[in-house]
Amino acid sequence: MLELDASIGAPGFTGRRAQRLRARLVTLASGLGVGGVPATQDDVDRIHAYRLLAHAEIQNFIEDLVEGILAQSENMFDSRGHITHAAHHLVVYDAVLKLSDKRNASEASYPMFSSASIQLVQKIQLESAVRSHRKKLKLNSGVKASNLRPLLGPLGYRDVWFPLSFMDQMDAFGASRGDVAHSSGLIGASQWPSGSSELATVKALQPGLKAIDVYAARVLMPV
């Protein structure tokens, strides 16, 4: 996992989303039994409810952060003429996608990579790229690696920025949420969860989620 220089920052982007998420998850966990196998159906229901709510909060955290990067990149372009790394990555990604589309390929141009050509990015190009990414963001339905990479990758995020097992952990967490959402929660219908295992699972995600938040400042640096 790469380390981010503490001096890197971005105007109007506080980088405190992960702290707020952690506080929210702690609040949701209050009253959650942390012992062994739950004794009653109520215990199981509380644990399952926590899993669903924690998943919803984490998904909202990621989507809110992505929207923040898009909005800040637009603002920096409009108010200062600065092209953020996220904006550059997004414009290039959008251009590559159009090249792969038979309907638009004939009118598409090869994306701009050099520092000189980056300054030629036009507002309409950035608006188009941001609009496409917002559509993808609106259709997002989870927190697995297959959800995260399409949202974060086009903004410049790389897997190497995260703990080695983070994407696997998010896959497992997303699958466990699906087990609750699409299966019976009655005792005997599935393996019993425990409060301690749920809290341990969510706690293990924290370093990776924090990295997503911290590296937002990096992709918001002007090119």
C-alpha atoms as a PDB file:
ATOM      1  CA  MET A   1       0.000   0.000   0.000  1.00  0.00           C
ATOM      2  CA  LEU A   2       1.392   3.388  -1.020  1.00  0.00           C
ATOM      3  CA  GLU A   3       1.811   6.210   1.472  1.00  0.00           C
ATOM      4  CA  LEU A   4       0.383   9.646   0.693  1.00  0.00           C
ATOM      5  CA  ASP A   5       2.434  12.726   1.477  1.00  0.00           C
ATOM      6  CA  ALA A   6       0.678  14.627   4.259  1.00  0.00           C
ATOM      7  CA  SER A   7       1.206  17.915   2.407  1.00  0.00           C
ATOM      8  CA  ILE A   8      -1.102  16.917  -0.428  1.00  0.00           C
ATOM      9  CA  GLY A   9      -4.492  18.495  -0.170  1.00  0.00           C
ATOM     10  CA  ALA A  10      -7.363  19.692  -2.295  1.00  0.00           C
ATOM     11  CA  PRO A  11      -9.396  22.916  -1.901  1.00  0.00           C
ATOM     12  CA  GLY A  12     -12.811  22.313  -0.355  1.00  0.00           C
ATOM     13  CA  PHE A  13     -12.200  18.602   0.190  1.00  0.00           C
ATOM     14  CA  THR A  14     -11.743  17.828   3.889  1.00  0.00           C
ATOM     15  CA  GLY A  15     -11.033  14.100   3.660  1.00  0.00           C
ATOM     16  CA  ARG A  16     -13.089  13.372   6.778  1.00  0.00           C
ATOM     17  CA  ARG A  17     -15.672  11.117   5.230  1.00  0.00           C
ATOM     18  CA  ALA A  18     -14.013   7.954   6.578  1.00  0.00           C
ATOM     19  CA  GLN A  19     -14.062   9.390  10.095  1.00  0.00           C
ATOM     20  CA  ARG A  20     -17.762  10.138   9.843  1.00  0.00           C
ATOM     21  CA  LEU A  21     -18.427   6.658   8.441  1.00  0.00           C
ATOM     22  CA  ARG A  22     -16.538   5.026  11.294  1.00  0.00           C
ATOM     23  CA  ALA A  23     -18.528   7.021  13.851  1.00  0.00           C
ATOM     24  CA  ARG A  24     -21.774   6.046  12.144  1.00  0.00           C
ATOM     25  CA  LEU A  25     -20.849   2.343  12.157  1.00  0.00           C
ATOM     26  CA  VAL A  26     -20.002   2.557  15.859  1.00  0.00           C
ATOM     27  CA  THR A  27     -23.401   4.112  16.528  1.00  0.00           C
ATOM     28  CA  LEU A  28     -25.166   1.375  14.591  1.00  0.00           C
ATOM     29  CA  ALA A  29     -23.288  -1.261  16.588  1.00  0.00           C
ATOM     30  CA  SER A  30     -24.499   0.037  19.941  1.00  0.00           C
ATOM     31  CA  GLY A  31     -26.630  -2.650  21.562  1.00  0.00           C
ATOM     32  CA  LEU A  32     -25.289  -5.311  19.216  1.00  0.00           C
ATOM     33  CA  GLY A  33     -24.357  -8.407  21.207  1.00  0.00           C
ATOM     34  CA  VAL A  34     -20.692  -9.273  20.816  1.00  0.00           C
ATOM     35  CA  GLY A  35     -20.764 -12.702  22.399  1.00  0.00           C
ATOM     36  CA  GLY A  36     -20.832 -16.085  20.753  1.00  0.00           C
ATOM     37  CA  VAL A  37     -23.778 -17.754  19.015  1.00  0.00           C
ATOM     38  CA  PRO A  38     -26.962 -15.670  19.440  1.00  0.00           C
ATOM     39  CA  ALA A  39     -29.507 -17.196  21.771  1.00  0.00           C
ATOM     40  CA  THR A  40     -32.737 -15.943  20.207  1.00  0.00           C
ATOM     41  CA  GLN A  41     -34.256 -14.964  16.895  1.00  0.00           C
ATOM     42  CA  ASP A  42     -34.151 -11.336  18.052  1.00  0.00           C
ATOM     43  CA  ASP A  43     -30.376 -11.617  18.421  1.00  0.00           C
ATOM     44  CA  VAL A  44     -30.049 -12.951  14.885  1.00  0.00           C
ATOM     45  CA  ASP A  45     -32.330 -10.234  13.506  1.00  0.00           C
ATOM     46  CA  ARG A  46     -30.307  -7.486  15.182  1.00  0.00           C
ATOM     47  CA  ILE A  47     -27.081  -8.855  13.723  1.00  0.00           C
ATOM     48  CA  HIS A  48     -28.594  -9.166  10.254  1.00  0.00           C
ATOM     49  CA  ALA A  49     -30.004  -5.638  10.505  1.00  0.00           C
ATOM     50  CA  TYR A  50     -26.549  -4.337  11.409  1.00  0.00           C
ATOM     51  CA  ARG A  51     -25.032  -6.070   8.394  1.00  0.00           C
ATOM     52  CA  LEU A  52     -27.572  -4.501   6.042  1.00  0.00           C
ATOM     53  CA  LEU A  53     -27.258  -1.042   7.583  1.00  0.00           C
ATOM     54  CA  ALA A  54     -23.456  -1.176   7.635  1.00  0.00           C
ATOM     55  CA  HIS A  55     -23.454  -2.172   3.959  1.00  0.00           C
ATOM     56  CA  ALA A  56     -25.796   0.725   3.128  1.00  0.00           C
ATOM     57  CA  GLU A  57     -23.599   3.214   4.994  1.00  0.00           C
ATOM     58  CA  ILE A  58     -20.413   1.987   3.293  1.00  0.00           C
ATOM     59  CA  GLN A  59     -22.036   2.075  -0.132  1.00  0.00           C
ATOM     60  CA  ASN A  60     -23.281   5.606   0.528  1.00  0.00           C
ATOM     61  CA  PHE A  61     -19.794   6.624   1.723  1.00  0.00           C
ATOM     62  CA  ILE A  62     -18.224   5.455  -1.544  1.00  0.00           C
ATOM     63  CA  GLU A  63     -20.879   7.008  -3.756  1.00  0.00           C
ATOM     64  CA  ASP A  64     -20.790  10.289  -1.829  1.00  0.00           C
ATOM     65  CA  LEU A  65     -17.007  10.414  -2.158  1.00  0.00           C
ATOM     66  CA  VAL A  66     -17.115   9.756  -5.907  1.00  0.00           C
ATOM     67  CA  GLU A  67     -19.721  12.481  -6.367  1.00  0.00           C
ATOM     68  CA  GLY A  68     -17.549  14.818  -4.303  1.00  0.00           C
ATOM     69  CA  ILE A  69     -14.565  14.183  -6.576  1.00  0.00           C
ATOM     70  CA  LEU A  70     -16.678  14.833  -9.668  1.00  0.00           C
ATOM     71  CA  ALA A  71     -18.156  18.031  -8.256  1.00  0.00           C
ATOM     72  CA  GLN A  72     -14.801  19.325  -7.017  1.00  0.00           C
ATOM     73  CA  SER A  73     -13.131  18.587 -10.368  1.00  0.00           C
ATOM     74  CA  GLU A  74     -15.861  20.518 -12.177  1.00  0.00           C
ATOM     75  CA  ASN A  75     -15.543  23.391  -9.730  1.00  0.00           C
ATOM     76  CA  MET A  76     -11.757  23.597 -10.058  1.00  0.00           C
ATOM     77  CA  PHE A  77     -12.042  23.583 -13.854  1.00  0.00           C
ATOM     78  CA  ASP A  78     -14.757  26.274 -13.921  1.00  0.00           C
ATOM     79  CA  SER A  79     -13.352  28.586 -11.256  1.00  0.00           C
ATOM     80  CA  ARG A  80      -9.596  28.220 -11.785  1.00  0.00           C
ATOM     81  CA  GLY A  81      -9.114  26.482 -15.103  1.00  0.00           C
ATOM     82  CA  HIS A  82      -7.379  23.612 -13.274  1.00  0.00           C
ATOM     83  CA  ILE A  83      -7.655  20.071 -14.579  1.00  0.00           C
ATOM     84  CA  THR A  84      -7.459  17.594 -11.715  1.00  0.00           C
ATOM     85  CA  HIS A  85      -5.889  14.173 -12.095  1.00  0.00           C
ATOM     86  CA  ALA A  86      -9.383  12.726 -11.682  1.00  0.00           C
ATOM     87  CA  ALA A  87     -10.734  14.914 -14.492  1.00  0.00           C
ATOM     88  CA  HIS A  88      -7.844  13.982 -16.792  1.00  0.00           C
ATOM     89  CA  HIS A  89      -8.254  10.265 -16.092  1.00  0.00           C
ATOM     90  CA  LEU A  90     -11.992  10.545 -16.642  1.00  0.00           C
ATOM     91  CA  VAL A  91     -11.689  12.385 -19.967  1.00  0.00           C
ATOM     92  CA  VAL A  92      -9.164   9.834 -21.232  1.00  0.00           C
ATOM     93  CA  TYR A  93     -11.337   6.945 -20.036  1.00  0.00           C
ATOM     94  CA  ASP A  94     -14.411   8.424 -21.715  1.00  0.00           C
ATOM     95  CA  ALA A  95     -12.500   8.879 -24.980  1.00  0.00           C
ATOM     96  CA  VAL A  96     -11.269   5.275 -24.916  1.00  0.00           C
ATOM     97  CA  LEU A  97     -14.817   4.022 -24.344  1.00  0.00           C
ATOM     98  CA  LYS A  98     -16.069   5.987 -27.347  1.00  0.00           C
ATOM     99  CA  LEU A  99     -13.346   4.472 -29.500  1.00  0.00           C
ATOM    100  CA  SER A 100     -14.656   1.020 -28.604  1.00  0.00           C
ATOM    101  CA  ASP A 101     -18.246   1.914 -29.538  1.00  0.00           C
ATOM    102  CA  LYS A 102     -18.951   1.146 -33.210  1.00  0.00           C
ATOM    103  CA  ARG A 103     -21.639   3.838 -33.297  1.00  0.00           C
ATOM    104  CA  ASN A 104     -19.308   6.607 -32.098  1.00  0.00           C
ATOM    105  CA  ALA A 105     -15.830   5.399 -33.068  1.00  0.00           C
ATOM    106  CA  SER A 106     -15.755   7.217 -36.398  1.00  0.00           C
ATOM    107  CA  GLU A 107     -16.336  10.563 -34.661  1.00  0.00           C
ATOM    108  CA  ALA A 108     -14.146   9.860 -31.629  1.00  0.00           C
ATOM    109  CA  SER A 109     -10.557  11.021 -31.267  1.00  0.00           C
ATOM    110  CA  TYR A 110      -7.649   9.335 -29.563  1.00  0.00           C
ATOM    111  CA  PRO A 111      -7.338  10.539 -25.935  1.00  0.00           C
ATOM    112  CA  MET A 112      -4.812  13.167 -24.891  1.00  0.00           C
ATOM    113  CA  PHE A 113      -1.955  12.062 -22.629  1.00  0.00           C
ATOM    114  CA  SER A 114       0.817  14.678 -22.880  1.00  0.00           C
ATOM    115  CA  SER A 115       1.034  17.606 -20.462  1.00  0.00           C
ATOM    116  CA  ALA A 116       0.644  20.060 -23.353  1.00  0.00           C
ATOM    117  CA  SER A 117      -2.469  18.416 -24.759  1.00  0.00           C
ATOM    118  CA  ILE A 118      -4.070  18.163 -21.327  1.00  0.00           C
ATOM    119  CA  GLN A 119      -4.355  21.950 -21.270  1.00  0.00           C
ATOM    120  CA  LEU A 120      -6.484  21.733 -24.420  1.00  0.00           C
ATOM    121  CA  VAL A 121      -9.243  19.793 -22.683  1.00  0.00           C
ATOM    122  CA  GLN A 122     -12.496  21.609 -23.329  1.00  0.00           C
ATOM    123  CA  LYS A 123     -15.389  22.079 -20.932  1.00  0.00           C
ATOM    124  CA  ILE A 124     -17.700  20.040 -23.148  1.00  0.00           C
ATOM    125  CA  GLN A 125     -15.325  17.063 -22.952  1.00  0.00           C
ATOM    126  CA  LEU A 126     -15.201  17.168 -19.168  1.00  0.00           C
ATOM    127  CA  GLU A 127     -18.968  17.642 -18.918  1.00  0.00           C
ATOM    128  CA  SER A 128     -19.547  14.616 -21.145  1.00  0.00           C
ATOM    129  CA  ALA A 129     -17.158  12.446 -19.125  1.00  0.00           C
ATOM    130  CA  VAL A 130     -18.633  13.548 -15.799  1.00  0.00           C
ATOM    131  CA  ARG A 131     -22.170  13.011 -17.051  1.00  0.00           C
ATOM    132  CA  SER A 132     -21.345   9.453 -18.137  1.00  0.00           C
ATOM    133  CA  HIS A 133     -19.719   8.685 -14.793  1.00  0.00           C
ATOM    134  CA  ARG A 134     -22.675  10.063 -12.858  1.00  0.00           C
ATOM    135  CA  LYS A 135     -24.954   7.702 -14.792  1.00  0.00           C
ATOM    136  CA  LYS A 136     -22.714   4.825 -13.734  1.00  0.00           C
ATOM    137  CA  LEU A 137     -22.761   6.095 -10.152  1.00  0.00           C
ATOM    138  CA  LYS A 138     -26.554   6.267 -10.134  1.00  0.00           C
ATOM    139  CA  LEU A 139     -26.790   2.651 -11.309  1.00  0.00           C
ATOM    140  CA  ASN A 140     -24.336   1.333  -8.731  1.00  0.00           C
ATOM    141  CA  SER A 141     -25.804  -1.428  -6.578  1.00  0.00           C
ATOM    142  CA  GLY A 142     -23.100  -2.653  -4.216  1.00  0.00           C
ATOM    143  CA  VAL A 143     -19.625  -2.531  -2.721  1.00  0.00           C
ATOM    144  CA  LYS A 144     -17.883  -5.511  -4.306  1.00  0.00           C
ATOM    145  CA  ALA A 145     -14.696  -5.112  -6.342  1.00  0.00           C
ATOM    146  CA  SER A 146     -16.866  -5.241  -9.473  1.00  0.00           C
ATOM    147  CA  ASN A 147     -18.652  -2.150  -8.147  1.00  0.00           C
ATOM    148  CA  LEU A 148     -15.622  -0.294  -6.792  1.00  0.00           C
ATOM    149  CA  ARG A 149     -13.258  -0.574  -9.745  1.00  0.00           C
ATOM    150  CA  PRO A 150     -15.678   0.936 -12.317  1.00  0.00           C
ATOM    151  CA  LEU A 151     -16.372   3.841  -9.942  1.00  0.00           C
ATOM    152  CA  LEU A 152     -12.839   4.531  -8.710  1.00  0.00           C
ATOM    153  CA  GLY A 153     -10.601   3.339 -11.539  1.00  0.00           C
ATOM    154  CA  PRO A 154     -11.708   5.946 -14.119  1.00  0.00           C
ATOM    155  CA  LEU A 155     -10.918   8.652 -11.524  1.00  0.00           C
ATOM    156  CA  GLY A 156      -7.317   7.495 -11.208  1.00  0.00           C
ATOM    157  CA  TYR A 157      -7.514   5.122  -8.236  1.00  0.00           C
ATOM    158  CA  ARG A 158      -5.290   2.037  -8.329  1.00  0.00           C
ATOM    159  CA  ASP A 159      -5.544  -1.219  -6.374  1.00  0.00           C
ATOM    160  CA  VAL A 160      -1.986  -0.726  -5.136  1.00  0.00           C
ATOM    161  CA  TRP A 161      -3.245   2.153  -2.992  1.00  0.00           C
ATOM    162  CA  PHE A 162      -5.258  -0.274  -0.855  1.00  0.00           C
ATOM    163  CA  PRO A 163      -4.309  -3.039   1.592  1.00  0.00           C
ATOM    164  CA  LEU A 164      -3.614  -6.242  -0.335  1.00  0.00           C
ATOM    165  CA  SER A 165      -6.747  -8.066   0.812  1.00  0.00           C
ATOM    166  CA  PHE A 166      -9.144  -5.112   0.652  1.00  0.00           C
ATOM    167  CA  MET A 167     -10.925  -5.985  -2.596  1.00  0.00           C
ATOM    168  CA  ASP A 168     -11.360  -9.608  -1.474  1.00  0.00           C
ATOM    169  CA  GLN A 169     -12.767  -8.378   1.836  1.00  0.00           C
ATOM    170  CA  MET A 170     -15.240  -6.142   0.035  1.00  0.00           C
ATOM    171  CA  ASP A 171     -16.300  -9.065  -2.166  1.00  0.00           C
ATOM    172  CA  ALA A 172     -16.941 -11.190   0.921  1.00  0.00           C
ATOM    173  CA  PHE A 173     -18.787  -8.366   2.662  1.00  0.00           C
ATOM    174  CA  GLY A 174     -20.983  -7.744  -0.368  1.00  0.00           C
ATOM    175  CA  ALA A 175     -21.771 -11.451  -0.616  1.00  0.00           C
ATOM    176  CA  SER A 176     -22.673 -11.643   3.083  1.00  0.00           C
ATOM    177  CA  ARG A 177     -25.052  -8.739   2.633  1.00  0.00           C
ATOM    178  CA  GLY A 178     -26.662 -10.625  -0.267  1.00  0.00           C
ATOM    179  CA  ASP A 179     -27.057 -13.688   1.934  1.00  0.00           C
ATOM    180  CA  VAL A 180     -29.205 -11.644   4.308  1.00  0.00           C
ATOM    181  CA  ALA A 181     -31.101  -9.697   1.657  1.00  0.00           C
ATOM    182  CA  HIS A 182     -32.042 -12.730  -0.410  1.00  0.00           C
ATOM    183  CA  SER A 183     -32.344 -15.525   2.176  1.00  0.00           C
ATOM    184  CA  SER A 184     -34.413 -16.304   5.235  1.00  0.00           C
ATOM    185  CA  GLY A 185     -33.086 -14.954   8.504  1.00  0.00           C
ATOM    186  CA  LEU A 186     -34.844 -17.559  10.606  1.00  0.00           C
ATOM    187  CA  ILE A 187     -32.725 -19.552  13.023  1.00  0.00           C
ATOM    188  CA  GLY A 188     -31.947 -22.881  11.403  1.00  0.00           C
ATOM    189  CA  ALA A 189     -32.356 -21.567   7.871  1.00  0.00           C
ATOM    190  CA  SER A 190     -28.709 -20.527   7.615  1.00  0.00           C
ATOM    191  CA  GLN A 191     -25.492 -20.366   9.573  1.00  0.00           C
ATOM    192  CA  TRP A 192     -25.845 -18.273  12.697  1.00  0.00           C
ATOM    193  CA  PRO A 193     -23.815 -15.070  12.766  1.00  0.00           C
ATOM    194  CA  SER A 194     -22.360 -13.534  15.904  1.00  0.00           C
ATOM    195  CA  GLY A 195     -22.036  -9.925  16.957  1.00  0.00           C
ATOM    196  CA  SER A 196     -18.289 -10.243  17.376  1.00  0.00           C
ATOM    197  CA  SER A 197     -17.791 -11.637  13.872  1.00  0.00           C
ATOM    198  CA  GLU A 198     -19.882  -8.868  12.316  1.00  0.00           C
ATOM    199  CA  LEU A 199     -17.917  -6.172  14.119  1.00  0.00           C
ATOM    200  CA  ALA A 200     -14.610  -7.823  13.185  1.00  0.00           C
ATOM    201  CA  THR A 201     -15.641  -7.942   9.522  1.00  0.00           C
ATOM    202  CA  VAL A 202     -16.539  -4.252   9.417  1.00  0.00           C
ATOM    203  CA  LYS A 203     -13.429  -3.284  11.384  1.00  0.00           C
ATOM    204  CA  ALA A 204     -11.226  -5.121   8.883  1.00  0.00           C
ATOM    205  CA  LEU A 205     -12.630  -2.930   6.091  1.00  0.00           C
ATOM    206  CA  GLN A 206     -11.652   0.325   7.784  1.00  0.00           C
ATOM    207  CA  PRO A 207      -8.036   0.644   6.489  1.00  0.00           C
ATOM    208  CA  GLY A 208      -9.160   0.231   2.879  1.00  0.00           C
ATOM    209  CA  LEU A 209     -12.078   2.610   3.270  1.00  0.00           C
ATOM    210  CA  LYS A 210      -9.773   5.149   4.869  1.00  0.00           C
ATOM    211  CA  ALA A 211      -7.397   4.794   1.899  1.00  0.00           C
ATOM    212  CA  ILE A 212     -10.253   5.586  -0.514  1.00  0.00           C
ATOM    213  CA  ASP A 213     -10.906   8.756   1.467  1.00  0.00           C
ATOM    214  CA  VAL A 214      -7.268   9.788   1.895  1.00  0.00           C
ATOM    215  CA  TYR A 215      -6.342   9.314  -1.772  1.00  0.00           C
ATOM    216  CA  ALA A 216      -9.212  11.529  -2.912  1.00  0.00           C
ATOM    217  CA  ALA A 217      -6.825  14.406  -2.232  1.00  0.00           C
ATOM    218  CA  ARG A 218      -4.301  12.882  -4.631  1.00  0.00           C
ATOM    219  CA  VAL A 219      -6.680  12.551  -7.574  1.00  0.00           C
ATOM    220  CA  LEU A 220      -7.891  16.111  -6.932  1.00  0.00           C
ATOM    221  CA  MET A 221      -4.410  17.554  -7.377  1.00  0.00           C
ATOM    222  CA  PRO A 222      -4.160  19.739 -10.509  1.00  0.00           C
ATOM    223  CA  VAL A 223      -2.277  18.125 -13.375  1.00  0.00           C
END
